[in-house]
Amino acid sequence: MSNGATSRQPLPPPSRSEAVRFSIASTIMEGQSVSEDMERLLHQWKEEAIDDDELMRRALEPEPALADEPVYTPGE
């Protein structure tokens, strides 16, 4: 006899591609703008010139320091 309750199956984890998209979108939204480099990178990914791993690595790596800004070196 059933009490009307249904057994729920857990949702499958998001695909790796969905996780990458979410991570990149979150990063872009935090900055509230998309640089030309990021646009190029996303276009390469869309055209499948690079895979999810490469997109994530390149999109989430820190921006290189600007040439005219001093770079902090511990101990100076």
PDB file of N, CA and C in Angstrom:
ATOM      1  N   MET A   1       0.844  -1.174   0.000  1.00  0.00           N
ATOM      2  CA  MET A   1       0.000   0.000   0.000  1.00  0.00           C
ATOM      3  C   MET A   1       0.892   1.241   0.000  1.00  0.00           C
ATOM      4  N   SER A   2       0.583   2.164  -0.859  1.00  0.00           N
ATOM      5  CA  SER A   2       1.401   3.360  -1.000  1.00  0.00           C
ATOM      6  C   SER A   2       0.796   4.499  -0.198  1.00  0.00           C
ATOM      7  N   ASN A   3       1.638   5.291   0.425  1.00  0.00           N
ATOM      8  CA  ASN A   3       1.151   6.444   1.183  1.00  0.00           C
ATOM      9  C   ASN A   3       1.191   7.716   0.343  1.00  0.00           C
ATOM     10  N   GLY A   4       1.394   7.579  -0.956  1.00  0.00           N
ATOM     11  CA  GLY A   4       1.416   8.743  -1.836  1.00  0.00           C
ATOM     12  C   GLY A   4       2.795   9.343  -2.016  1.00  0.00           C
ATOM     13  N   ALA A   5       3.746   8.940  -1.189  1.00  0.00           N
ATOM     14  CA  ALA A   5       5.106   9.469  -1.313  1.00  0.00           C
ATOM     15  C   ALA A   5       5.802   8.792  -2.486  1.00  0.00           C
ATOM     16  N   THR A   6       6.543   9.555  -3.200  1.00  0.00           N
ATOM     17  CA  THR A   6       7.300   8.984  -4.314  1.00  0.00           C
ATOM     18  C   THR A   6       8.772   8.993  -3.968  1.00  0.00           C
ATOM     19  N   SER A   7       9.439   7.995  -4.442  1.00  0.00           N
ATOM     20  CA  SER A   7      10.875   7.933  -4.200  1.00  0.00           C
ATOM     21  C   SER A   7      11.563   8.808  -5.239  1.00  0.00           C
ATOM     22  N   ARG A   8      12.382   9.723  -4.782  1.00  0.00           N
ATOM     23  CA  ARG A   8      13.088  10.637  -5.690  1.00  0.00           C
ATOM     24  C   ARG A   8      14.480  10.119  -5.956  1.00  0.00           C
ATOM     25  N   GLN A   9      14.816  10.112  -7.211  1.00  0.00           N
ATOM     26  CA  GLN A   9      16.171   9.753  -7.604  1.00  0.00           C
ATOM     27  C   GLN A   9      17.021  11.019  -7.543  1.00  0.00           C
ATOM     28  N   PRO A  10      18.250  10.911  -7.047  1.00  0.00           N
ATOM     29  CA  PRO A  10      19.099  12.114  -7.031  1.00  0.00           C
ATOM     30  C   PRO A  10      19.387  12.572  -8.458  1.00  0.00           C
ATOM     31  N   LEU A  11      19.495  13.870  -8.598  1.00  0.00           N
ATOM     32  CA  LEU A  11      19.820  14.422  -9.912  1.00  0.00           C
ATOM     33  C   LEU A  11      21.248  14.045 -10.282  1.00  0.00           C
ATOM     34  N   PRO A  12      21.475  13.774 -11.548  1.00  0.00           N
ATOM     35  CA  PRO A  12      22.857  13.472 -11.949  1.00  0.00           C
ATOM     36  C   PRO A  12      23.712  14.728 -11.816  1.00  0.00           C
ATOM     37  N   PRO A  13      24.994  14.546 -11.566  1.00  0.00           N
ATOM     38  CA  PRO A  13      25.852  15.736 -11.483  1.00  0.00           C
ATOM     39  C   PRO A  13      25.886  16.436 -12.835  1.00  0.00           C
ATOM     40  N   PRO A  14      26.096  17.752 -12.825  1.00  0.00           N
ATOM     41  CA  PRO A  14      26.166  18.464 -14.106  1.00  0.00           C
ATOM     42  C   PRO A  14      27.347  17.944 -14.918  1.00  0.00           C
ATOM     43  N   SER A  15      27.210  18.027 -16.203  1.00  0.00           N
ATOM     44  CA  SER A  15      28.320  17.595 -17.058  1.00  0.00           C
ATOM     45  C   SER A  15      29.502  18.533 -16.845  1.00  0.00           C
ATOM     46  N   ARG A  16      30.664  18.070 -17.222  1.00  0.00           N
ATOM     47  CA  ARG A  16      31.870  18.896 -17.079  1.00  0.00           C
ATOM     48  C   ARG A  16      31.716  20.193 -17.862  1.00  0.00           C
ATOM     49  N   SER A  17      31.123  20.096 -19.040  1.00  0.00           N
ATOM     50  CA  SER A  17      30.944  21.279 -19.870  1.00  0.00           C
ATOM     51  C   SER A  17      30.036  22.298 -19.179  1.00  0.00           C
ATOM     52  N   GLU A  18      28.967  21.822 -18.533  1.00  0.00           N
ATOM     53  CA  GLU A  18      28.077  22.737 -17.807  1.00  0.00           C
ATOM     54  C   GLU A  18      28.822  23.401 -16.659  1.00  0.00           C
ATOM     55  N   ALA A  19      29.658  22.642 -15.963  1.00  0.00           N
ATOM     56  CA  ALA A  19      30.429  23.199 -14.852  1.00  0.00           C
ATOM     57  C   ALA A  19      31.401  24.266 -15.353  1.00  0.00           C
ATOM     58  N   VAL A  20      32.019  24.015 -16.488  1.00  0.00           N
ATOM     59  CA  VAL A  20      32.945  24.998 -17.068  1.00  0.00           C
ATOM     60  C   VAL A  20      32.187  26.255 -17.448  1.00  0.00           C
ATOM     61  N   ARG A  21      31.049  26.094 -18.115  1.00  0.00           N
ATOM     62  CA  ARG A  21      30.243  27.258 -18.511  1.00  0.00           C
ATOM     63  C   ARG A  21      29.852  28.086 -17.290  1.00  0.00           C
ATOM     64  N   PHE A  22      29.417  27.418 -16.219  1.00  0.00           N
ATOM     65  CA  PHE A  22      29.010  28.126 -15.007  1.00  0.00           C
ATOM     66  C   PHE A  22      30.192  28.883 -14.412  1.00  0.00           C
ATOM     67  N   SER A  23      31.336  28.230 -14.340  1.00  0.00           N
ATOM     68  CA  SER A  23      32.521  28.865 -13.771  1.00  0.00           C
ATOM     69  C   SER A  23      32.940  30.094 -14.569  1.00  0.00           C
ATOM     70  N   ILE A  24      32.952  29.973 -15.889  1.00  0.00           N
ATOM     71  CA  ILE A  24      33.338  31.096 -16.744  1.00  0.00           C
ATOM     72  C   ILE A  24      32.314  32.217 -16.636  1.00  0.00           C
ATOM     73  N   ALA A  25      31.032  31.864 -16.676  1.00  0.00           N
ATOM     74  CA  ALA A  25      29.977  32.883 -16.576  1.00  0.00           C
ATOM     75  C   ALA A  25      30.073  33.626 -15.251  1.00  0.00           C
ATOM     76  N   SER A  26      30.323  32.900 -14.161  1.00  0.00           N
ATOM     77  CA  SER A  26      30.453  33.544 -12.849  1.00  0.00           C
ATOM     78  C   SER A  26      31.624  34.511 -12.832  1.00  0.00           C
ATOM     79  N   THR A  27      32.732  34.093 -13.405  1.00  0.00           N
ATOM     80  CA  THR A  27      33.915  34.954 -13.453  1.00  0.00           C
ATOM     81  C   THR A  27      33.643  36.210 -14.264  1.00  0.00           C
ATOM     82  N   ILE A  28      32.987  36.052 -15.402  1.00  0.00           N
ATOM     83  CA  ILE A  28      32.662  37.202 -16.246  1.00  0.00           C
ATOM     84  C   ILE A  28      31.712  38.139 -15.520  1.00  0.00           C
ATOM     85  N   MET A  29      30.699  37.589 -14.850  1.00  0.00           N
ATOM     86  CA  MET A  29      29.716  38.433 -14.160  1.00  0.00           C
ATOM     87  C   MET A  29      30.360  39.204 -13.022  1.00  0.00           C
ATOM     88  N   GLU A  30      31.327  38.602 -12.335  1.00  0.00           N
ATOM     89  CA  GLU A  30      32.012  39.314 -11.258  1.00  0.00           C
ATOM     90  C   GLU A  30      32.731  40.540 -11.800  1.00  0.00           C
ATOM     91  N   GLY A  31      33.337  40.406 -12.960  1.00  0.00           N
ATOM     92  CA  GLY A  31      34.047  41.527 -13.578  1.00  0.00           C
ATOM     93  C   GLY A  31      33.116  42.489 -14.284  1.00  0.00           C
ATOM     94  N   GLN A  32      31.889  42.067 -14.546  1.00  0.00           N
ATOM     95  CA  GLN A  32      30.842  42.854 -15.196  1.00  0.00           C
ATOM     96  C   GLN A  32      31.232  43.345 -16.583  1.00  0.00           C
ATOM     97  N   SER A  33      32.219  42.733 -17.185  1.00  0.00           N
ATOM     98  CA  SER A  33      32.568  43.063 -18.563  1.00  0.00           C
ATOM     99  C   SER A  33      33.326  41.885 -19.154  1.00  0.00           C
ATOM    100  N   VAL A  34      33.398  41.860 -20.451  1.00  0.00           N
ATOM    101  CA  VAL A  34      34.109  40.794 -21.144  1.00  0.00           C
ATOM    102  C   VAL A  34      35.196  41.444 -21.990  1.00  0.00           C
ATOM    103  N   SER A  35      36.414  41.066 -21.729  1.00  0.00           N
ATOM    104  CA  SER A  35      37.527  41.636 -22.498  1.00  0.00           C
ATOM    105  C   SER A  35      37.540  41.043 -23.901  1.00  0.00           C
ATOM    106  N   GLU A  36      38.273  41.699 -24.785  1.00  0.00           N
ATOM    107  CA  GLU A  36      38.414  41.178 -26.146  1.00  0.00           C
ATOM    108  C   GLU A  36      39.082  39.809 -26.127  1.00  0.00           C
ATOM    109  N   ASP A  37      40.049  39.630 -25.228  1.00  0.00           N
ATOM    110  CA  ASP A  37      40.714  38.330 -25.119  1.00  0.00           C
ATOM    111  C   ASP A  37      39.721  37.244 -24.713  1.00  0.00           C
ATOM    112  N   MET A  38      38.829  37.574 -23.772  1.00  0.00           N
ATOM    113  CA  MET A  38      37.830  36.600 -23.331  1.00  0.00           C
ATOM    114  C   MET A  38      36.852  36.294 -24.462  1.00  0.00           C
ATOM    115  N   GLU A  39      36.459  37.307 -25.214  1.00  0.00           N
ATOM    116  CA  GLU A  39      35.569  37.069 -26.358  1.00  0.00           C
ATOM    117  C   GLU A  39      36.223  36.122 -27.352  1.00  0.00           C
ATOM    118  N   ARG A  40      37.504  36.344 -27.637  1.00  0.00           N
ATOM    119  CA  ARG A  40      38.237  35.474 -28.559  1.00  0.00           C
ATOM    120  C   ARG A  40      38.296  34.044 -28.027  1.00  0.00           C
ATOM    121  N   LEU A  41      38.570  33.935 -26.743  1.00  0.00           N
ATOM    122  CA  LEU A  41      38.669  32.628 -26.100  1.00  0.00           C
ATOM    123  C   LEU A  41      37.333  31.881 -26.168  1.00  0.00           C
ATOM    124  N   LEU A  42      36.249  32.573 -25.851  1.00  0.00           N
ATOM    125  CA  LEU A  42      34.925  31.945 -25.909  1.00  0.00           C
ATOM    126  C   LEU A  42      34.560  31.553 -27.337  1.00  0.00           C
ATOM    127  N   HIS A  43      34.970  32.365 -28.296  1.00  0.00           N
ATOM    128  CA  HIS A  43      34.701  32.030 -29.695  1.00  0.00           C
ATOM    129  C   HIS A  43      35.476  30.769 -30.100  1.00  0.00           C
ATOM    130  N   GLN A  44      36.732  30.670 -29.688  1.00  0.00           N
ATOM    131  CA  GLN A  44      37.524  29.472 -29.991  1.00  0.00           C
ATOM    132  C   GLN A  44      36.866  28.232 -29.395  1.00  0.00           C
ATOM    133  N   TRP A  45      36.347  28.363 -28.187  1.00  0.00           N
ATOM    134  CA  TRP A  45      35.692  27.245 -27.514  1.00  0.00           C
ATOM    135  C   TRP A  45      34.413  26.862 -28.249  1.00  0.00           C
ATOM    136  N   LYS A  46      33.628  27.880 -28.631  1.00  0.00           N
ATOM    137  CA  LYS A  46      32.380  27.624 -29.351  1.00  0.00           C
ATOM    138  C   LYS A  46      32.650  26.902 -30.666  1.00  0.00           C
ATOM    139  N   GLU A  47      33.717  27.291 -31.332  1.00  0.00           N
ATOM    140  CA  GLU A  47      34.081  26.670 -32.611  1.00  0.00           C
ATOM    141  C   GLU A  47      34.831  25.350 -32.418  1.00  0.00           C
ATOM    142  N   GLU A  48      34.985  24.929 -31.152  1.00  0.00           N
ATOM    143  CA  GLU A  48      35.662  23.681 -30.780  1.00  0.00           C
ATOM    144  C   GLU A  48      37.141  23.665 -31.155  1.00  0.00           C
ATOM    145  N   ALA A  49      37.744  24.852 -31.225  1.00  0.00           N
ATOM    146  CA  ALA A  49      39.186  24.942 -31.456  1.00  0.00           C
ATOM    147  C   ALA A  49      39.949  24.612 -30.171  1.00  0.00           C
ATOM    148  N   ILE A  50      39.297  24.827 -29.018  1.00  0.00           N
ATOM    149  CA  ILE A  50      39.868  24.444 -27.723  1.00  0.00           C
ATOM    150  C   ILE A  50      38.806  23.675 -26.954  1.00  0.00           C
ATOM    151  N   ASP A  51      39.242  22.819 -26.024  1.00  0.00           N
ATOM    152  CA  ASP A  51      38.290  22.031 -25.246  1.00  0.00           C
ATOM    153  C   ASP A  51      37.984  22.709 -23.907  1.00  0.00           C
ATOM    154  N   ASP A  52      37.123  22.055 -23.123  1.00  0.00           N
ATOM    155  CA  ASP A  52      36.713  22.610 -21.830  1.00  0.00           C
ATOM    156  C   ASP A  52      37.903  22.875 -20.916  1.00  0.00           C
ATOM    157  N   ASP A  53      38.838  21.920 -20.870  1.00  0.00           N
ATOM    158  CA  ASP A  53      39.997  22.078 -19.987  1.00  0.00           C
ATOM    159  C   ASP A  53      40.820  23.308 -20.351  1.00  0.00           C
ATOM    160  N   GLU A  54      41.058  23.491 -21.646  1.00  0.00           N
ATOM    161  CA  GLU A  54      41.847  24.640 -22.093  1.00  0.00           C
ATOM    162  C   GLU A  54      41.102  25.943 -21.830  1.00  0.00           C
ATOM    163  N   LEU A  55      39.802  25.949 -22.071  1.00  0.00           N
ATOM    164  CA  LEU A  55      39.001  27.147 -21.793  1.00  0.00           C
ATOM    165  C   LEU A  55      39.102  27.514 -20.323  1.00  0.00           C
ATOM    166  N   MET A  56      38.900  26.529 -19.450  1.00  0.00           N
ATOM    167  CA  MET A  56      38.933  26.800 -18.022  1.00  0.00           C
ATOM    168  C   MET A  56      40.318  27.280 -17.599  1.00  0.00           C
ATOM    169  N   ARG A  57      41.355  26.621 -18.069  1.00  0.00           N
ATOM    170  CA  ARG A  57      42.718  27.006 -17.682  1.00  0.00           C
ATOM    171  C   ARG A  57      43.021  28.436 -18.099  1.00  0.00           C
ATOM    172  N   ARG A  58      42.722  28.764 -19.353  1.00  0.00           N
ATOM    173  CA  ARG A  58      43.064  30.091 -19.866  1.00  0.00           C
ATOM    174  C   ARG A  58      42.153  31.182 -19.325  1.00  0.00           C
ATOM    175  N   ALA A  59      40.880  30.881 -19.117  1.00  0.00           N
ATOM    176  CA  ALA A  59      39.948  31.908 -18.650  1.00  0.00           C
ATOM    177  C   ALA A  59      40.132  32.235 -17.177  1.00  0.00           C
ATOM    178  N   LEU A  60      40.544  31.264 -16.398  1.00  0.00           N
ATOM    179  CA  LEU A  60      40.635  31.481 -14.958  1.00  0.00           C
ATOM    180  C   LEU A  60      42.038  31.821 -14.476  1.00  0.00           C
ATOM    181  N   GLU A  61      43.009  31.831 -15.387  1.00  0.00           N
ATOM    182  CA  GLU A  61      44.352  32.202 -14.952  1.00  0.00           C
ATOM    183  C   GLU A  61      44.384  33.703 -14.686  1.00  0.00           C
ATOM    184  N   PRO A  62      45.205  34.130 -13.735  1.00  0.00           N
ATOM    185  CA  PRO A  62      45.245  35.562 -13.408  1.00  0.00           C
ATOM    186  C   PRO A  62      45.726  36.397 -14.584  1.00  0.00           C
ATOM    187  N   GLU A  63      45.229  37.614 -14.627  1.00  0.00           N
ATOM    188  CA  GLU A  63      45.650  38.554 -15.671  1.00  0.00           C
ATOM    189  C   GLU A  63      47.136  38.846 -15.476  1.00  0.00           C
ATOM    190  N   PRO A  64      47.894  38.940 -16.551  1.00  0.00           N
ATOM    191  CA  PRO A  64      49.306  39.304 -16.391  1.00  0.00           C
ATOM    192  C   PRO A  64      49.419  40.738 -15.866  1.00  0.00           C
ATOM    193  N   ALA A  65      50.433  40.970 -15.084  1.00  0.00           N
ATOM    194  CA  ALA A  65      50.641  42.314 -14.534  1.00  0.00           C
ATOM    195  C   ALA A  65      50.894  43.295 -15.674  1.00  0.00           C
ATOM    196  N   LEU A  66      50.382  44.494 -15.521  1.00  0.00           N
ATOM    197  CA  LEU A  66      50.606  45.527 -16.531  1.00  0.00           C
ATOM    198  C   LEU A  66      52.072  45.947 -16.508  1.00  0.00           C
ATOM    199  N   ALA A  67      52.618  46.215 -17.662  1.00  0.00           N
ATOM    200  CA  ALA A  67      54.046  46.524 -17.780  1.00  0.00           C
ATOM    201  C   ALA A  67      54.443  47.769 -16.994  1.00  0.00           C
ATOM    202  N   ASP A  68      53.540  48.755 -16.890  1.00  0.00           N
ATOM    203  CA  ASP A  68      53.910  50.000 -16.213  1.00  0.00           C
ATOM    204  C   ASP A  68      53.611  49.976 -14.716  1.00  0.00           C
ATOM    205  N   GLU A  69      53.097  48.869 -14.199  1.00  0.00           N
ATOM    206  CA  GLU A  69      52.832  48.770 -12.767  1.00  0.00           C
ATOM    207  C   GLU A  69      53.963  48.006 -12.101  1.00  0.00           C
ATOM    208  N   PRO A  70      54.377  48.466 -10.918  1.00  0.00           N
ATOM    209  CA  PRO A  70      55.416  47.714 -10.211  1.00  0.00           C
ATOM    210  C   PRO A  70      54.866  46.357  -9.769  1.00  0.00           C
ATOM    211  N   VAL A  71      55.696  45.355  -9.813  1.00  0.00           N
ATOM    212  CA  VAL A  71      55.303  44.016  -9.386  1.00  0.00           C
ATOM    213  C   VAL A  71      55.836  43.811  -7.984  1.00  0.00           C
ATOM    214  N   TYR A  72      54.958  43.419  -7.069  1.00  0.00           N
ATOM    215  CA  TYR A  72      55.352  43.197  -5.683  1.00  0.00           C
ATOM    216  C   TYR A  72      56.198  41.935  -5.588  1.00  0.00           C
ATOM    217  N   THR A  73      57.338  42.055  -4.949  1.00  0.00           N
ATOM    218  CA  THR A  73      58.190  40.907  -4.678  1.00  0.00           C
ATOM    219  C   THR A  73      58.388  40.843  -3.176  1.00  0.00           C
ATOM    220  N   PRO A  74      57.982  39.733  -2.541  1.00  0.00           N
ATOM    221  CA  PRO A  74      58.148  39.631  -1.089  1.00  0.00           C
ATOM    222  C   PRO A  74      59.607  39.857  -0.689  1.00  0.00           C
ATOM    223  N   GLY A  75      59.805  40.567   0.405  1.00  0.00           N
ATOM    224  CA  GLY A  75      61.143  40.815   0.912  1.00  0.00           C
ATOM    225  C   GLY A  75      61.772  42.106   0.422  1.00  0.00           C
ATOM    226  N   GLU A  76      61.075  42.837  -0.440  1.00  0.00           N
ATOM    227  CA  GLU A  76      61.646  44.103  -0.930  1.00  0.00           C
ATOM    228  C   GLU A  76      61.334  45.227   0.020  1.00  0.00           C
TER     229      GLU A  76
END
